């Protein structure tokens, strides 16, 4: 059994997800991990950055939401199931916010 020290209770570093910690990532999943590790928490912002990187096309729904948004949310939800992320909130069905799980 691992014991923690008193200092560990107040240690507030974010967990860094290493690519080899998850199962067989695609290039898109690798970029999502990089964006999460750099502090990005918004699924919509991650989608926009992936479009800017050229990993998705620029097609959008009539609401102006990128078509890749659903796929990005699926990747993020998978990371939640694996215990790397925590789902925080769904902002009026326009965006979803996540945070890295602390060690």
N, C-alpha and C. Protein backbone atom coordinates (compact mmCIF):
# COMPACT_ATOMS: atom_id res chain seq x y z
N UNK A 1 0.84 -1.19 0.00
CA UNK A 1 0.00 0.00 0.00
C UNK A 1 0.88 1.24 0.00
N UNK A 2 0.63 2.16 -0.91
CA UNK A 2 1.41 3.39 -0.98
C UNK A 2 0.87 4.38 0.03
N UNK A 3 1.77 4.95 0.80
CA UNK A 3 1.37 5.96 1.76
C UNK A 3 1.72 7.33 1.21
N UNK A 4 0.95 8.31 1.61
CA UNK A 4 1.25 9.68 1.19
C UNK A 4 1.72 10.47 2.39
N UNK A 5 2.52 11.48 2.12
CA UNK A 5 2.99 12.34 3.20
C UNK A 5 2.07 13.54 3.32
N UNK A 6 2.25 14.29 4.38
CA UNK A 6 1.46 15.49 4.60
C UNK A 6 1.64 16.47 3.45
N UNK A 7 2.86 16.58 2.92
CA UNK A 7 3.13 17.50 1.82
C UNK A 7 2.39 17.07 0.55
N UNK A 8 2.20 15.78 0.37
CA UNK A 8 1.49 15.28 -0.80
C UNK A 8 0.05 15.78 -0.86
N UNK A 9 -0.53 16.04 0.29
CA UNK A 9 -1.91 16.53 0.34
C UNK A 9 -2.04 17.90 -0.30
N UNK A 10 -0.99 18.67 -0.24
CA UNK A 10 -1.04 20.04 -0.75
C UNK A 10 -0.29 20.21 -2.07
N UNK A 11 0.22 19.15 -2.58
CA UNK A 11 0.94 19.16 -3.85
C UNK A 11 -0.10 19.26 -4.97
N UNK A 12 -0.09 20.36 -5.72
CA UNK A 12 -1.15 20.64 -6.68
C UNK A 12 -0.65 20.66 -8.12
N UNK A 13 0.09 19.64 -8.52
CA UNK A 13 0.52 19.56 -9.90
C UNK A 13 -0.49 18.80 -10.72
N UNK A 14 -0.64 19.21 -11.96
CA UNK A 14 -1.55 18.50 -12.85
C UNK A 14 -0.85 17.27 -13.40
N UNK A 15 -1.63 16.25 -13.59
CA UNK A 15 -1.11 15.02 -14.17
C UNK A 15 -0.84 15.25 -15.65
N UNK A 16 0.31 14.80 -16.11
CA UNK A 16 0.65 14.90 -17.53
C UNK A 16 0.39 13.54 -18.15
N UNK A 17 -0.43 13.53 -19.17
CA UNK A 17 -0.74 12.27 -19.84
C UNK A 17 0.34 12.00 -20.86
N UNK A 18 1.00 10.89 -20.72
CA UNK A 18 2.02 10.50 -21.68
C UNK A 18 1.36 9.64 -22.75
N UNK A 19 1.77 9.79 -23.98
CA UNK A 19 1.14 9.04 -25.06
C UNK A 19 1.11 7.53 -24.84
N UNK A 20 2.12 6.96 -24.22
CA UNK A 20 2.12 5.51 -24.03
C UNK A 20 1.22 5.05 -22.90
N UNK A 21 0.57 5.97 -22.19
CA UNK A 21 -0.33 5.61 -21.11
C UNK A 21 -1.72 5.23 -21.63
N UNK A 22 -2.04 5.60 -22.84
CA UNK A 22 -3.34 5.26 -23.40
C UNK A 22 -3.15 4.24 -24.51
N UNK A 23 -4.22 3.66 -24.95
CA UNK A 23 -4.15 2.58 -25.93
C UNK A 23 -4.01 3.10 -27.36
N UNK A 24 -2.99 2.67 -28.08
CA UNK A 24 -2.79 2.91 -29.52
C UNK A 24 -3.46 4.17 -30.05
N UNK A 25 -2.80 5.28 -29.90
CA UNK A 25 -3.37 6.56 -30.32
C UNK A 25 -3.17 6.81 -31.80
N UNK A 26 -4.15 7.50 -32.36
CA UNK A 26 -4.03 8.00 -33.72
C UNK A 26 -3.30 9.34 -33.63
N UNK A 27 -2.87 9.90 -34.76
CA UNK A 27 -2.24 11.22 -34.73
C UNK A 27 -3.16 12.29 -34.13
N UNK A 28 -4.45 12.15 -34.37
CA UNK A 28 -5.41 13.12 -33.81
C UNK A 28 -5.45 12.99 -32.29
N UNK A 29 -5.50 11.76 -31.79
CA UNK A 29 -5.51 11.56 -30.35
C UNK A 29 -4.23 12.09 -29.70
N UNK A 30 -3.11 11.91 -30.38
CA UNK A 30 -1.84 12.43 -29.87
C UNK A 30 -1.88 13.95 -29.74
N UNK A 31 -2.44 14.62 -30.75
CA UNK A 31 -2.55 16.08 -30.70
C UNK A 31 -3.51 16.53 -29.61
N UNK A 32 -4.60 15.79 -29.41
CA UNK A 32 -5.54 16.11 -28.34
C UNK A 32 -4.82 16.03 -27.00
N UNK A 33 -4.03 14.98 -26.80
CA UNK A 33 -3.26 14.85 -25.56
C UNK A 33 -2.30 16.02 -25.36
N UNK A 34 -1.63 16.42 -26.44
CA UNK A 34 -0.71 17.56 -26.35
C UNK A 34 -1.45 18.83 -25.94
N UNK A 35 -2.63 19.05 -26.53
CA UNK A 35 -3.40 20.25 -26.20
C UNK A 35 -3.89 20.21 -24.75
N UNK A 36 -4.31 19.05 -24.29
CA UNK A 36 -4.73 18.91 -22.90
C UNK A 36 -3.58 19.18 -21.94
N UNK A 37 -2.41 18.64 -22.27
CA UNK A 37 -1.24 18.84 -21.42
C UNK A 37 -0.77 20.30 -21.42
N UNK A 38 -1.10 21.04 -22.48
CA UNK A 38 -0.72 22.45 -22.53
C UNK A 38 -1.73 23.33 -21.80
N UNK A 39 -2.80 22.73 -21.28
CA UNK A 39 -3.74 23.49 -20.47
C UNK A 39 -5.09 23.76 -21.12
N UNK A 40 -5.31 23.29 -22.33
CA UNK A 40 -6.60 23.50 -23.00
C UNK A 40 -7.66 22.63 -22.34
N UNK A 41 -8.85 23.18 -22.08
CA UNK A 41 -9.90 22.43 -21.41
C UNK A 41 -11.20 22.37 -22.21
N UNK A 42 -11.34 23.20 -23.21
CA UNK A 42 -12.57 23.30 -23.97
C UNK A 42 -12.55 22.39 -25.19
N UNK A 43 -13.60 21.58 -25.35
CA UNK A 43 -13.70 20.70 -26.52
C UNK A 43 -13.79 21.52 -27.80
N UNK A 44 -14.49 22.63 -27.76
CA UNK A 44 -14.62 23.48 -28.94
C UNK A 44 -13.28 24.10 -29.33
N UNK A 45 -12.53 24.58 -28.34
CA UNK A 45 -11.22 25.17 -28.61
C UNK A 45 -10.25 24.12 -29.14
N UNK A 46 -10.31 22.91 -28.59
CA UNK A 46 -9.46 21.83 -29.09
C UNK A 46 -9.81 21.52 -30.54
N UNK A 47 -11.10 21.49 -30.84
CA UNK A 47 -11.55 21.24 -32.22
C UNK A 47 -11.00 22.30 -33.17
N UNK A 48 -11.09 23.56 -32.77
CA UNK A 48 -10.60 24.66 -33.61
C UNK A 48 -9.09 24.55 -33.83
N UNK A 49 -8.36 24.19 -32.79
CA UNK A 49 -6.90 24.08 -32.94
C UNK A 49 -6.53 22.91 -33.84
N UNK A 50 -7.29 21.82 -33.76
CA UNK A 50 -7.02 20.68 -34.64
C UNK A 50 -7.30 21.04 -36.10
N UNK A 51 -8.30 21.87 -36.33
CA UNK A 51 -8.58 22.36 -37.69
C UNK A 51 -7.42 23.23 -38.16
N UNK A 52 -6.93 24.12 -37.28
CA UNK A 52 -5.80 24.98 -37.63
C UNK A 52 -4.54 24.17 -37.94
N UNK A 53 -4.39 23.02 -37.28
CA UNK A 53 -3.23 22.15 -37.52
C UNK A 53 -3.39 21.34 -38.81
N UNK A 54 -4.58 21.39 -39.41
CA UNK A 54 -4.82 20.68 -40.64
C UNK A 54 -5.23 19.22 -40.45
N UNK A 55 -5.60 18.84 -39.23
CA UNK A 55 -5.98 17.46 -38.97
C UNK A 55 -7.44 17.18 -39.30
N UNK A 56 -8.25 18.22 -39.39
CA UNK A 56 -9.65 18.10 -39.79
C UNK A 56 -9.95 19.16 -40.84
N UNK A 57 -10.98 18.91 -41.64
CA UNK A 57 -11.36 19.93 -42.61
C UNK A 57 -12.15 21.04 -41.92
N UNK A 58 -12.40 22.11 -42.62
CA UNK A 58 -13.03 23.29 -42.03
C UNK A 58 -14.55 23.29 -42.13
N UNK A 59 -15.14 22.15 -42.50
CA UNK A 59 -16.60 22.10 -42.63
C UNK A 59 -17.27 22.36 -41.29
N UNK A 60 -18.40 23.06 -41.38
CA UNK A 60 -19.13 23.44 -40.17
C UNK A 60 -20.62 23.18 -40.34
N UNK A 61 -21.27 23.03 -39.20
CA UNK A 61 -22.73 22.94 -39.20
C UNK A 61 -23.31 24.33 -39.37
N UNK A 62 -24.60 24.42 -39.59
CA UNK A 62 -25.25 25.72 -39.76
C UNK A 62 -25.12 26.59 -38.50
N UNK A 63 -24.89 25.94 -37.36
CA UNK A 63 -24.70 26.67 -36.10
C UNK A 63 -23.28 27.22 -35.96
N UNK A 64 -22.43 26.95 -36.96
CA UNK A 64 -21.02 27.34 -37.00
C UNK A 64 -20.12 26.46 -36.13
N UNK A 65 -20.66 25.40 -35.57
CA UNK A 65 -19.84 24.47 -34.80
C UNK A 65 -19.11 23.56 -35.80
N UNK A 66 -17.81 23.31 -35.57
CA UNK A 66 -17.07 22.45 -36.50
C UNK A 66 -17.64 21.03 -36.53
N UNK A 67 -17.61 20.43 -37.68
CA UNK A 67 -18.12 19.06 -37.81
C UNK A 67 -17.25 18.06 -37.05
N UNK A 68 -16.02 18.39 -36.79
CA UNK A 68 -15.14 17.48 -36.05
C UNK A 68 -15.41 17.49 -34.54
N UNK A 69 -16.25 18.41 -34.09
CA UNK A 69 -16.52 18.56 -32.65
C UNK A 69 -16.97 17.24 -32.01
N UNK A 70 -17.86 16.52 -32.65
CA UNK A 70 -18.36 15.25 -32.08
C UNK A 70 -17.24 14.23 -31.92
N UNK A 71 -16.36 14.14 -32.92
CA UNK A 71 -15.25 13.19 -32.83
C UNK A 71 -14.29 13.58 -31.71
N UNK A 72 -14.04 14.87 -31.56
CA UNK A 72 -13.17 15.35 -30.48
C UNK A 72 -13.79 15.00 -29.13
N UNK A 73 -15.09 15.20 -29.00
CA UNK A 73 -15.78 14.87 -27.74
C UNK A 73 -15.69 13.37 -27.45
N UNK A 74 -15.77 12.53 -28.48
CA UNK A 74 -15.63 11.09 -28.27
C UNK A 74 -14.24 10.74 -27.75
N UNK A 75 -13.22 11.38 -28.29
CA UNK A 75 -11.85 11.15 -27.82
C UNK A 75 -11.73 11.58 -26.37
N UNK A 76 -12.27 12.76 -26.04
CA UNK A 76 -12.19 13.26 -24.67
C UNK A 76 -12.98 12.36 -23.71
N UNK A 77 -14.14 11.90 -24.13
CA UNK A 77 -14.94 11.01 -23.28
C UNK A 77 -14.23 9.68 -23.03
N UNK A 78 -13.50 9.20 -24.03
CA UNK A 78 -12.71 7.98 -23.85
C UNK A 78 -11.62 8.20 -22.79
N UNK A 79 -11.01 9.37 -22.82
CA UNK A 79 -9.99 9.69 -21.80
C UNK A 79 -10.62 9.80 -20.41
N UNK A 80 -11.88 10.24 -20.35
CA UNK A 80 -12.60 10.27 -19.07
C UNK A 80 -12.78 8.84 -18.56
N UNK A 81 -13.21 7.94 -19.44
CA UNK A 81 -13.43 6.54 -19.06
C UNK A 81 -12.13 5.87 -18.61
N UNK A 82 -11.01 6.30 -19.20
CA UNK A 82 -9.71 5.74 -18.83
C UNK A 82 -9.15 6.37 -17.55
N UNK A 83 -9.83 7.40 -17.04
CA UNK A 83 -9.41 8.01 -15.78
C UNK A 83 -8.41 9.14 -15.91
N UNK A 84 -8.13 9.59 -17.12
CA UNK A 84 -7.16 10.67 -17.31
C UNK A 84 -7.78 12.06 -17.22
N UNK A 85 -9.07 12.15 -17.55
CA UNK A 85 -9.78 13.43 -17.54
C UNK A 85 -11.01 13.34 -16.67
N UNK A 86 -11.52 14.51 -16.31
CA UNK A 86 -12.79 14.63 -15.60
C UNK A 86 -13.67 15.58 -16.41
N UNK A 87 -14.90 15.16 -16.67
CA UNK A 87 -15.86 16.02 -17.35
C UNK A 87 -16.36 17.04 -16.34
N UNK A 88 -16.28 18.34 -16.69
CA UNK A 88 -16.68 19.39 -15.77
C UNK A 88 -18.08 19.89 -16.05
N UNK A 89 -18.32 20.35 -17.27
CA UNK A 89 -19.66 20.86 -17.58
C UNK A 89 -19.94 20.92 -19.07
N UNK A 90 -21.21 20.93 -19.38
CA UNK A 90 -21.70 21.11 -20.73
C UNK A 90 -22.29 22.51 -20.76
N UNK A 91 -21.68 23.41 -21.49
CA UNK A 91 -22.09 24.82 -21.49
C UNK A 91 -23.19 25.03 -22.53
N UNK A 92 -24.42 24.96 -22.08
CA UNK A 92 -25.59 25.21 -22.92
C UNK A 92 -25.55 24.46 -24.25
N UNK A 93 -25.05 23.24 -24.25
CA UNK A 93 -24.94 22.40 -25.45
C UNK A 93 -24.07 23.02 -26.54
N UNK A 94 -23.28 24.04 -26.19
CA UNK A 94 -22.41 24.70 -27.17
C UNK A 94 -20.96 24.26 -27.02
N UNK A 95 -20.57 23.86 -25.82
CA UNK A 95 -19.19 23.46 -25.56
C UNK A 95 -19.17 22.54 -24.35
N UNK A 96 -18.10 21.78 -24.24
CA UNK A 96 -17.90 20.90 -23.10
C UNK A 96 -16.54 21.21 -22.50
N UNK A 97 -16.46 21.19 -21.18
CA UNK A 97 -15.22 21.52 -20.48
C UNK A 97 -14.74 20.30 -19.70
N UNK A 98 -13.45 20.04 -19.80
CA UNK A 98 -12.81 18.92 -19.13
C UNK A 98 -11.62 19.44 -18.34
N UNK A 99 -11.13 18.61 -17.42
CA UNK A 99 -9.87 18.93 -16.73
C UNK A 99 -9.09 17.66 -16.53
N UNK A 100 -7.77 17.80 -16.49
CA UNK A 100 -6.92 16.65 -16.23
C UNK A 100 -7.13 16.20 -14.79
N UNK A 101 -7.11 14.91 -14.56
CA UNK A 101 -7.23 14.36 -13.21
C UNK A 101 -5.87 14.50 -12.55
N UNK A 102 -5.86 15.03 -11.34
CA UNK A 102 -4.61 15.20 -10.61
C UNK A 102 -4.20 13.86 -10.02
N UNK A 103 -2.90 13.68 -9.92
CA UNK A 103 -2.37 12.41 -9.36
C UNK A 103 -2.74 12.26 -7.92
